[in-house]
C-alpha atoms as a PDB file:
ATOM      1  CA  UNK A   1       7.560  11.701   3.733  1.00  0.00           C
ATOM      2  CA  UNK A   2       9.951  10.108   6.209  1.00  0.00           C
ATOM      3  CA  UNK A   3      11.970   7.024   5.407  1.00  0.00           C
ATOM      4  CA  UNK A   4       9.990   5.066   8.028  1.00  0.00           C
ATOM      5  CA  UNK A   5       6.673   6.113   6.468  1.00  0.00           C
ATOM      6  CA  UNK A   6       7.843   5.086   2.994  1.00  0.00           C
ATOM      7  CA  UNK A   7       9.044   1.693   4.261  1.00  0.00           C
ATOM      8  CA  UNK A   8       5.751   1.188   6.104  1.00  0.00           C
ATOM      9  CA  UNK A   9       3.813   2.099   2.975  1.00  0.00           C
ATOM     10  CA  UNK A  10       5.817  -0.335   0.830  1.00  0.00           C
ATOM     11  CA  UNK A  11       5.466  -3.168   3.356  1.00  0.00           C
ATOM     12  CA  UNK A  12       1.732  -2.613   3.652  1.00  0.00           C
ATOM     13  CA  UNK A  13       1.448  -2.567  -0.129  1.00  0.00           C
ATOM     14  CA  UNK A  14       3.294  -5.860  -0.449  1.00  0.00           C
ATOM     15  CA  UNK A  15       1.050  -7.418   2.195  1.00  0.00           C
ATOM     16  CA  UNK A  16      -2.002  -6.336   0.219  1.00  0.00           C
ATOM     17  CA  UNK A  17      -0.678  -7.417  -3.202  1.00  0.00           C
ATOM     18  CA  UNK A  18      -2.803 -10.572  -3.339  1.00  0.00           C
ATOM     19  CA  UNK A  19      -6.005  -8.808  -2.250  1.00  0.00           C
ATOM     20  CA  UNK A  20      -6.043  -6.265  -5.086  1.00  0.00           C
ATOM     21  CA  UNK A  21      -9.307  -7.673  -6.448  1.00  0.00           C
ATOM     22  CA  UNK A  22     -11.268  -7.508  -3.209  1.00  0.00           C
ATOM     23  CA  UNK A  23     -14.332  -5.310  -3.381  1.00  0.00           C
ATOM     24  CA  UNK A  24     -13.348  -3.324  -0.286  1.00  0.00           C
ATOM     25  CA  UNK A  25     -10.585  -4.207   2.096  1.00  0.00           C
ATOM     26  CA  UNK A  26      -9.755  -2.462   5.365  1.00  0.00           C
ATOM     27  CA  UNK A  27      -6.667  -3.339   7.352  1.00  0.00           C
ATOM     28  CA  UNK A  28      -5.165  -2.111  10.613  1.00  0.00           C
ATOM     29  CA  UNK A  29      -1.453  -2.569  11.301  1.00  0.00           C
ATOM     30  CA  UNK A  30      -0.373  -2.772  14.943  1.00  0.00           C
ATOM     31  CA  UNK A  31       3.080  -2.153  16.384  1.00  0.00           C
ATOM     32  CA  UNK A  32       4.910  -4.496  18.772  1.00  0.00           C
ATOM     33  CA  UNK A  33       3.275  -2.769  21.772  1.00  0.00           C
ATOM     34  CA  UNK A  34      -0.226  -3.242  20.375  1.00  0.00           C
ATOM     35  CA  UNK A  35      -0.609   0.388  19.323  1.00  0.00           C
ATOM     36  CA  UNK A  36      -2.070   1.267  15.911  1.00  0.00           C
ATOM     37  CA  UNK A  37       0.780   2.119  13.528  1.00  0.00           C
ATOM     38  CA  UNK A  38      -1.234   2.457  10.342  1.00  0.00           C
ATOM     39  CA  UNK A  39      -4.492   1.547   8.689  1.00  0.00           C
ATOM     40  CA  UNK A  40      -5.547   1.260   5.090  1.00  0.00           C
ATOM     41  CA  UNK A  41      -8.656   1.106   2.947  1.00  0.00           C
ATOM     42  CA  UNK A  42      -8.852  -0.381  -0.515  1.00  0.00           C
ATOM     43  CA  UNK A  43     -11.513   0.397  -3.120  1.00  0.00           C
ATOM     44  CA  UNK A  44     -13.043  -1.974  -5.647  1.00  0.00           C
ATOM     45  CA  UNK A  45     -10.693  -0.555  -8.303  1.00  0.00           C
ATOM     46  CA  UNK A  46      -7.659  -1.595  -6.242  1.00  0.00           C
ATOM     47  CA  UNK A  47      -6.632   1.886  -5.097  1.00  0.00           C
ATOM     48  CA  UNK A  48      -5.408   1.819  -1.515  1.00  0.00           C
ATOM     49  CA  UNK A  49      -5.184   4.782   0.844  1.00  0.00           C
ATOM     50  CA  UNK A  50      -2.882   4.546   3.875  1.00  0.00           C
ATOM     51  CA  UNK A  51      -3.405   6.455   7.112  1.00  0.00           C
ATOM     52  CA  UNK A  52      -0.962   7.097   9.941  1.00  0.00           C
ATOM     53  CA  UNK A  53      -1.786   6.618  13.631  1.00  0.00           C
ATOM     54  CA  UNK A  54      -3.256  10.135  13.804  1.00  0.00           C
ATOM     55  CA  UNK A  55      -5.646   9.382  10.927  1.00  0.00           C
ATOM     56  CA  UNK A  56      -3.850  11.619   8.423  1.00  0.00           C
ATOM     57  CA  UNK A  57      -3.265  10.246   4.906  1.00  0.00           C
ATOM     58  CA  UNK A  58       0.355   9.106   4.558  1.00  0.00           C
ATOM     59  CA  UNK A  59       0.133   7.730   1.022  1.00  0.00           C
ATOM     60  CA  UNK A  60      -1.816   5.983  -1.679  1.00  0.00           C
ATOM     61  CA  UNK A  61      -1.213   3.250  -4.228  1.00  0.00           C
ATOM     62  CA  UNK A  62      -3.005   2.665  -7.511  1.00  0.00           C
ATOM     63  CA  UNK A  63      -2.617  -0.340  -9.824  1.00  0.00           C
ATOM     64  CA  UNK A  64      -1.881   0.012 -13.524  1.00  0.00           C
ATOM     65  CA  UNK A  65      -3.263  -2.386 -16.139  1.00  0.00           C
ATOM     66  CA  UNK A  66       0.056  -4.307 -16.301  1.00  0.00           C
ATOM     67  CA  UNK A  67      -0.014  -5.022 -12.540  1.00  0.00           C
ATOM     68  CA  UNK A  68       2.459  -2.310 -11.572  1.00  0.00           C
ATOM     69  CA  UNK A  69       1.556  -0.374  -8.427  1.00  0.00           C
ATOM     70  CA  UNK A  70       2.133   3.382  -8.457  1.00  0.00           C
ATOM     71  CA  UNK A  71       2.966   4.918  -5.062  1.00  0.00           C
ATOM     72  CA  UNK A  72       1.830   8.439  -4.198  1.00  0.00           C
ATOM     73  CA  UNK A  73       2.917  10.453  -1.172  1.00  0.00           C
ATOM     74  CA  UNK A  74       0.550  12.244   1.218  1.00  0.00           C
ATOM     75  CA  UNK A  75       0.571  15.306  -1.038  1.00  0.00           C
ATOM     76  CA  UNK A  76      -0.572  13.250  -4.065  1.00  0.00           C
ATOM     77  CA  UNK A  77       2.792  13.377  -5.840  1.00  0.00           C
ATOM     78  CA  UNK A  78       3.970  10.134  -7.465  1.00  0.00           C
ATOM     79  CA  UNK A  79       6.948   8.829  -5.494  1.00  0.00           C
ATOM     80  CA  UNK A  80       7.646   5.465  -7.115  1.00  0.00           C
ATOM     81  CA  UNK A  81       6.400   2.170  -8.525  1.00  0.00           C
ATOM     82  CA  UNK A  82       6.460  -1.495  -7.584  1.00  0.00           C
ATOM     83  CA  UNK A  83       6.612  -3.990 -10.454  1.00  0.00           C
ATOM     84  CA  UNK A  84       4.597  -7.192 -10.222  1.00  0.00           C
ATOM     85  CA  UNK A  85       6.493 -10.350  -9.331  1.00  0.00           C
ATOM     86  CA  UNK A  86       7.741 -12.173 -12.414  1.00  0.00           C
ATOM     87  CA  UNK A  87       6.772 -15.754 -13.103  1.00  0.00           C
ATOM     88  CA  UNK A  88       9.427 -18.321 -12.217  1.00  0.00           C
ATOM     89  CA  UNK A  89      11.470 -19.607 -15.142  1.00  0.00           C
ATOM     90  CA  UNK A  90      10.839 -23.114 -16.387  1.00  0.00           C
ATOM     91  CA  UNK A  91      13.889 -25.384 -16.243  1.00  0.00           C
END
């Protein structure tokens, strides 16, 4: 997985963080020239699959019960996690 692909996957994941409970969610990401850079589909369980411009799978994310997202590369190997945002501290 290239550095650009990983960054794109993380950014797309962060954009979708608040829609994790949608039944199905499809999203297309366009580049500055209007070309399709990536697209994603999200299942009712919150698992999201990301596709590159050619339609090949470039990664997947799956939520854990504590809100952490696990990131998998195109080969299905776990490549990292994203922790949920923490609540702001009370003064």
